[in-house]
Protein backbone atom coordinates (compact mmCIF):
# COMPACT_ATOMS: atom_id res chain seq x y z
CA MET A 1 -0.04 -0.10 -0.06
CA VAL A 2 2.88 2.38 0.80
CA ARG A 3 4.54 1.52 -2.39
CA TYR A 4 1.31 2.42 -4.36
CA LEU A 5 1.22 5.79 -2.63
CA ARG A 6 4.94 6.52 -3.28
CA PHE A 7 4.52 5.87 -6.98
CA LEU A 8 1.43 8.38 -7.00
CA ALA A 9 3.28 10.95 -5.08
CA GLY A 10 6.32 10.46 -7.48
CA GLU A 11 4.13 11.89 -10.24
CA ASP A 12 2.33 14.55 -8.14
CA LEU A 13 -0.92 12.58 -8.36
CA LEU A 14 -1.27 12.35 -4.69
CA PRO A 15 -1.67 15.70 -2.71
CA LEU A 16 0.67 15.70 0.29
CA PRO A 17 0.37 15.64 3.26
CA VAL A 18 -1.86 12.71 3.53
CA SER A 19 -2.41 10.11 6.34
CA LEU A 20 -3.08 6.47 5.91
CA ARG A 21 -4.99 4.25 8.32
CA LYS A 22 -6.21 0.74 8.42
CA SER A 23 -10.05 0.63 8.24
CA LEU A 24 -11.95 -0.95 11.04
CA GLU A 25 -14.72 -1.90 8.56
CA ASP A 26 -14.74 -4.42 5.83
CA PRO A 27 -14.60 -3.09 3.23
CA PRO A 28 -12.51 -0.87 2.70
CA ASP A 29 -8.98 -2.06 3.58
CA PHE A 30 -7.52 1.36 4.03
CA VAL A 31 -8.72 4.97 4.27
CA LEU A 32 -6.58 8.06 3.08
CA GLU A 33 -7.29 11.35 4.82
CA TRP A 34 -6.34 14.88 4.20
CA PRO A 35 -5.92 17.81 6.70
CA ASP A 36 -9.00 19.55 4.99
CA GLY A 37 -11.06 16.47 5.92
CA ASN A 38 -11.41 14.90 2.59
CA LYS A 39 -11.22 10.99 2.45
CA GLU A 40 -10.73 8.34 0.00
CA THR A 41 -11.18 4.59 0.55
CA VAL A 42 -8.80 1.88 -0.88
CA GLU A 43 -9.60 -1.91 -1.43
CA ILE A 44 -6.69 -4.27 -2.15
CA THR A 45 -6.81 -7.51 -3.82
CA GLU A 46 -4.33 -10.16 -4.95
CA GLY A 47 -3.82 -10.31 -8.54
CA SER A 48 -3.99 -14.06 -9.14
CA THR A 49 -6.27 -17.00 -9.19
CA GLN A 50 -6.29 -20.13 -6.87
CA ASP A 51 -5.63 -22.24 -9.97
CA PHE A 52 -2.67 -20.19 -11.08
CA GLN A 53 -1.21 -20.01 -7.53
CA LYS A 54 -1.55 -23.71 -7.21
CA LYS A 55 0.21 -24.42 -10.48
CA LEU A 56 2.95 -21.88 -9.47
CA THR A 57 3.47 -23.71 -6.10
CA GLU A 58 3.68 -27.14 -7.67
CA THR A 59 6.18 -26.12 -10.37
CA SER A 60 8.37 -24.15 -7.88
CA ARG A 61 8.32 -27.06 -5.35
CA LEU A 62 9.82 -29.31 -8.02
CA GLU A 63 12.73 -26.94 -8.74
CA ASP A 64 13.11 -25.54 -5.20
CA ARG A 65 12.69 -22.05 -6.46
CA VAL A 66 10.14 -19.71 -8.08
CA VAL A 67 9.26 -21.27 -11.54
CA LEU A 68 6.33 -20.06 -13.69
CA PRO A 69 3.78 -22.64 -14.63
CA VAL A 70 4.23 -21.47 -18.29
CA ASP A 71 6.95 -22.06 -20.68
CA ILE A 72 9.56 -19.40 -20.87
CA ASN A 73 9.26 -19.57 -24.70
CA THR A 74 5.48 -18.91 -24.49
CA PRO A 75 4.46 -16.45 -27.30
CA GLU A 76 4.00 -13.06 -26.08
CA LYS A 77 0.46 -12.84 -27.26
CA GLU A 78 -0.40 -15.92 -25.21
CA ALA A 79 1.23 -14.47 -22.15
CA ILE A 80 -0.52 -11.12 -22.51
CA GLN A 81 -3.94 -13.05 -22.81
CA LEU A 82 -3.10 -15.15 -19.57
CA TRP A 83 -2.04 -12.04 -17.67
CA THR A 84 -5.18 -10.15 -18.64
CA GLU A 85 -7.46 -12.95 -17.84
CA ILE A 86 -6.04 -13.32 -14.36
CA LEU A 87 -5.94 -9.71 -13.53
CA PHE A 88 -9.52 -9.13 -14.88
CA SER A 89 -10.82 -12.07 -12.77
CA ALA A 90 -9.36 -10.28 -9.71
CA PHE A 91 -11.02 -7.12 -10.64
CA LEU A 92 -14.37 -8.92 -11.52
CA LYS A 93 -14.48 -10.56 -7.92
CA LYS A 94 -14.25 -7.22 -6.34
CA ALA A 95 -16.45 -5.35 -8.82
CA ARG A 96 -19.40 -7.64 -8.33
CA ALA A 97 -19.19 -7.41 -4.56
CA LEU A 98 -19.11 -3.73 -5.00
CA MET A 99 -22.42 -4.06 -7.14
CA ASP A 100 -24.06 -6.07 -4.41
CA GLY A 101 -23.28 -3.88 -1.58
CA HIS A 102 -24.44 -0.71 -0.13
CA PHE A 103 -21.30 1.21 -0.14
CA SER A 104 -18.93 3.08 -2.46
CA LEU A 105 -15.21 2.64 -2.82
CA ASP A 106 -12.64 4.88 -4.53
CA HIS A 107 -9.48 2.88 -5.25
CA LEU A 108 -9.17 -0.74 -6.28
CA LEU A 109 -5.47 -1.80 -6.02
CA ILE A 110 -4.62 -5.14 -7.60
CA TYR A 111 -1.08 -6.49 -6.62
CA ASP A 112 0.27 -8.48 -9.59
CA LEU A 113 1.26 -11.93 -8.19
CA THR A 114 1.24 -13.70 -11.57
CA GLY A 115 5.09 -13.52 -11.91
CA LEU A 116 4.45 -12.98 -15.66
CA GLY A 117 6.53 -9.77 -15.62
CA LEU A 118 9.41 -12.12 -16.26
CA LEU A 119 7.96 -12.73 -19.67
CA LEU A 120 6.38 -9.23 -20.48
CA PRO A 121 6.65 -5.68 -19.30
CA LEU A 122 3.64 -4.06 -17.64
CA GLN A 123 2.97 -1.97 -20.62
CA ARG A 124 2.44 -4.80 -23.00
CA GLY A 125 -0.61 -6.03 -21.29
CA THR A 126 -2.18 -2.61 -20.64
CA PRO A 127 -4.32 -2.27 -23.77
CA LEU A 128 -6.09 -5.63 -23.41
CA LEU A 129 -6.85 -5.27 -19.84
CA LYS A 130 -8.07 -1.64 -20.35
CA GLN A 131 -10.33 -2.90 -23.06
CA LYS A 132 -11.88 -5.71 -21.02
CA LEU A 133 -12.61 -3.28 -18.10
CA GLN A 134 -14.17 -0.75 -20.48
CA GLU A 135 -16.25 -3.41 -22.16
CA TRP A 136 -17.50 -4.88 -18.98
CA HIS A 137 -18.49 -1.53 -17.50
CA THR A 138 -20.22 -0.53 -20.82
CA LYS A 139 -22.18 -3.89 -20.78
CA VAL A 140 -23.04 -4.12 -17.11
CA ASN A 141 -23.21 -0.40 -16.31
CA PRO A 142 -23.04 -0.85 -12.57
CA ALA A 143 -24.46 1.66 -10.23
CA ASN A 144 -21.56 1.37 -7.90
CA ARG A 145 -18.02 1.27 -9.42
CA PHE A 146 -14.46 1.96 -8.41
CA ARG A 147 -13.29 5.39 -9.38
CA ARG A 148 -9.73 4.10 -10.03
CA VAL A 149 -8.42 0.71 -10.80
CA SER A 150 -4.69 0.24 -10.40
CA VAL A 151 -2.35 -2.81 -11.04
CA LEU A 152 0.91 -2.69 -8.97
CA ARG A 153 3.98 -4.69 -9.80
CA ASP A 154 7.27 -4.20 -8.00
CA ALA A 155 8.99 -2.19 -10.65
CA ALA A 156 5.98 -0.14 -12.04
CA LEU A 157 2.41 0.93 -11.52
CA LEU A 158 -0.32 0.73 -14.00
CA PHE A 159 -2.39 3.65 -12.85
CA ASP A 160 -6.07 3.88 -13.55
CA ALA A 161 -6.29 0.84 -15.75
CA GLY A 162 -10.00 1.59 -16.64
CA GLY A 163 -9.06 5.10 -17.81
CA SER A 164 -5.76 6.71 -18.78
CA ALA A 165 -3.78 3.61 -18.16
CA GLN A 166 -0.70 5.72 -17.29
CA ILE A 167 2.50 3.71 -16.45
CA LEU A 168 4.20 5.13 -13.46
CA ASP A 169 7.75 3.60 -12.85
CA LYS A 170 9.29 5.99 -10.30
CA GLU A 171 8.73 6.64 -6.69
CA SER A 172 8.33 9.94 -4.84
CA PRO A 173 11.70 11.43 -3.85
CA TYR A 174 10.04 12.26 -0.46
CA HIS A 175 9.96 8.40 0.39
CA GLN A 176 13.29 7.20 -0.66
CA ILE A 177 15.29 4.91 1.60
CA TRP A 178 18.24 6.91 2.86
CA ARG A 179 21.76 5.78 3.75
CA ILE A 180 22.23 4.42 7.07
CA TYR A 181 25.65 4.55 8.64
CA ALA A 182 26.59 3.01 12.07
CA ARG A 183 27.37 5.66 14.60
CA ASP A 184 29.88 3.61 16.34
CA GLU A 185 30.92 -0.12 16.98
CA GLU A 186 28.05 -0.52 19.35
CA ASP A 187 25.55 0.68 16.87
CA LEU A 188 27.02 -1.52 14.27
CA ARG A 189 26.65 -4.51 16.41
CA LYS A 190 23.02 -3.71 17.05
CA ARG A 191 22.29 -3.41 13.43
CA LEU A 192 24.00 -6.90 12.73
CA ARG A 193 21.82 -8.41 15.62
CA ASP A 194 18.69 -6.79 14.13
CA LEU A 195 19.73 -8.40 10.75
CA ASP A 196 20.43 -11.75 12.42
CA ARG A 197 17.08 -11.72 14.24
CA TYR A 198 15.20 -10.81 10.91
CA CYS A 199 16.82 -13.84 9.16
CA ARG A 200 15.80 -16.13 12.07
CA GLU A 201 12.26 -14.88 12.01
CA ASN A 202 11.89 -15.48 8.36
CA SER A 203 13.59 -18.84 8.12
CA ILE A 204 16.67 -17.54 6.25
CA ARG A 205 19.43 -20.11 6.64
CA HIS A 206 22.10 -18.19 4.62
CA LEU A 207 22.21 -14.35 3.61
CA LYS A 208 25.16 -13.45 1.46
CA LEU A 209 26.28 -10.28 -0.52
CA PHE A 210 27.22 -10.61 -4.06
CA GLY A 211 27.44 -8.72 -7.33
CA SER A 212 28.96 -5.42 -8.15
CA ILE A 213 29.39 -4.32 -4.55
CA LEU A 214 32.03 -7.09 -4.13
CA LYS A 215 34.17 -5.84 -7.02
CA ASP A 216 37.58 -4.29 -6.20
CA ARG A 217 36.85 -2.54 -2.92
CA MET A 218 34.83 -5.08 -0.95
CA THR A 219 37.73 -6.27 1.16
CA ASP A 220 38.47 -2.71 2.17
CA PHE A 221 34.76 -2.29 3.04
CA LEU A 222 34.87 -5.11 5.34
CA ASP A 223 38.22 -4.38 6.98
CA ASP A 224 38.52 -0.62 6.93
CA SER A 225 36.31 1.63 9.18
CA ASP A 226 37.10 4.54 6.80
CA LEU A 227 34.42 3.83 4.30
CA ASP A 228 34.82 5.45 0.82
CA PRO A 229 31.60 7.57 0.49
CA ASP A 230 31.52 6.73 -3.15
CA LEU A 231 31.15 3.07 -2.54
CA PHE A 232 27.38 3.53 -2.09
CA ARG A 233 25.42 6.04 -4.12
CA GLU A 234 21.91 7.05 -3.16
CA ASP A 235 20.65 5.04 -6.09
CA SER A 236 22.83 2.02 -5.36
CA ASP A 237 21.27 -1.56 -5.08
CA VAL A 238 22.53 -4.17 -2.75
CA ASP A 239 22.49 -7.71 -4.26
CA LEU A 240 21.71 -10.36 -1.75
CA LEU A 241 21.67 -14.11 -2.12
CA VAL A 242 19.23 -15.89 0.23
CA GLU A 243 18.87 -19.54 1.19
CA PHE A 244 15.92 -20.65 3.35
CA GLU A 245 15.66 -23.39 5.90
CA PRO A 246 14.68 -26.71 4.37
CA GLY A 247 10.98 -27.12 3.91
CA THR A 248 10.37 -23.38 3.84
CA ARG A 249 7.73 -22.27 1.26
CA VAL A 250 8.26 -18.78 0.00
CA THR A 251 5.91 -17.12 -2.58
CA LEU A 252 6.56 -14.17 -4.93
CA LEU A 253 4.78 -11.92 -2.53
CA ASP A 254 6.98 -13.11 0.31
CA MET A 255 10.11 -12.41 -1.75
CA ALA A 256 8.92 -8.83 -2.62
CA ARG A 257 8.12 -8.22 1.13
CA MET A 258 11.50 -9.37 2.30
CA GLU A 259 13.25 -7.18 -0.37
CA ARG A 260 11.45 -4.20 1.08
CA GLU A 261 12.01 -5.04 4.64
CA LEU A 262 15.72 -5.74 4.29
CA GLY A 263 16.11 -2.56 2.25
CA GLU A 264 14.57 -0.57 5.05
CA LEU A 265 16.84 -2.53 7.58
CA ILE A 266 20.14 -2.00 5.65
CA GLY A 267 19.28 1.44 4.15
CA PHE A 268 19.60 0.58 0.43
CA LYS A 269 17.33 -0.86 -2.22
CA VAL A 270 17.64 -4.60 -2.09
CA ASP A 271 17.69 -7.09 -4.92
CA LEU A 272 16.91 -10.45 -3.31
CA ARG A 273 17.82 -13.62 -5.29
CA THR A 274 18.05 -17.40 -4.61
CA ALA A 275 20.78 -19.45 -6.18
CA GLY A 276 18.15 -20.94 -8.49
CA ASP A 277 17.48 -17.53 -9.89
CA LEU A 278 21.02 -17.03 -11.03
CA SER A 279 22.18 -17.92 -14.58
CA ARG A 280 23.93 -21.20 -14.90
CA TYR A 281 26.65 -19.30 -16.80
CA PHE A 282 27.83 -17.50 -13.68
CA ARG A 283 26.13 -19.15 -10.80
CA ARG A 284 29.23 -21.14 -9.57
CA GLU A 285 31.39 -17.91 -9.52
CA VAL A 286 28.76 -16.05 -7.46
CA LEU A 287 28.40 -18.85 -4.89
CA GLN A 288 32.15 -18.95 -4.48
CA GLU A 289 32.70 -15.27 -4.12
CA ALA A 290 29.59 -14.26 -2.14
CA VAL A 291 30.25 -12.95 1.37
CA GLU A 292 28.15 -14.32 4.35
CA LEU A 293 26.16 -11.80 6.26
CA HIS A 294 24.04 -14.40 8.24
CA ALA A 295 24.38 -18.04 8.74
CA SER A 296 22.12 -20.38 10.81
CA ARG A 297 23.68 -21.48 13.95
CA GLU A 298 23.07 -25.03 12.89
């Protein structure tokens, strides 16, 4: 929900300041409130289906990593059709409930859990989804409808899918994750303890640094307290390799959540990967060079 608001604020589509609170009623899920007393309601739903999630779980279990239940060589037209059908079914479920209710809702936010972003960018599915929403509204002409329908994927937001279908791919500069430096050795130890506790709470067996951060100056970073300020820029990404405890089931939504939470904990945007996500052409090199941040006591 916060990521959704960051995207809107990044394009000046959300007047600031605004407060967000969890609704005590059902629906909506959240309420936005402004100092002048104006309010808007927000309903959130998962952009997936039980059948698709079941297939996703089954294929991922076989490979012990996230594997889409569709062939990577699936024609783009078929991938777009599948993505549209899944997202439209998520919309339809909420839209019908809205028709039958005695309430009004302003925003419907659909979080894309299909994983099909690996096959096609958000922009490619936009026209067909927009068309289906418009055709449904024209045919049914419901008395109660969402004023705004949005689709959120980690890298971008399809804003107002039923109208302008504008793609937002940047977040508000007012909500960036800023650099976090330890004030002293005690503070550093506390941050490491927080990271260790987070890993244990989320069944993370190993958490390792890898990627460009390890090139050239990583040894100095680990051994020298005089950290070069150019090592990290405000737009730096930290590549983390994660291995979960045996038997742990992790969904795409779990991975997205942990990326966000680890980023807030570390102070930089995090790109979280499993060994299975790495290309076979450089997987061995990454596993050999990765630097351990957390290891299970076992």
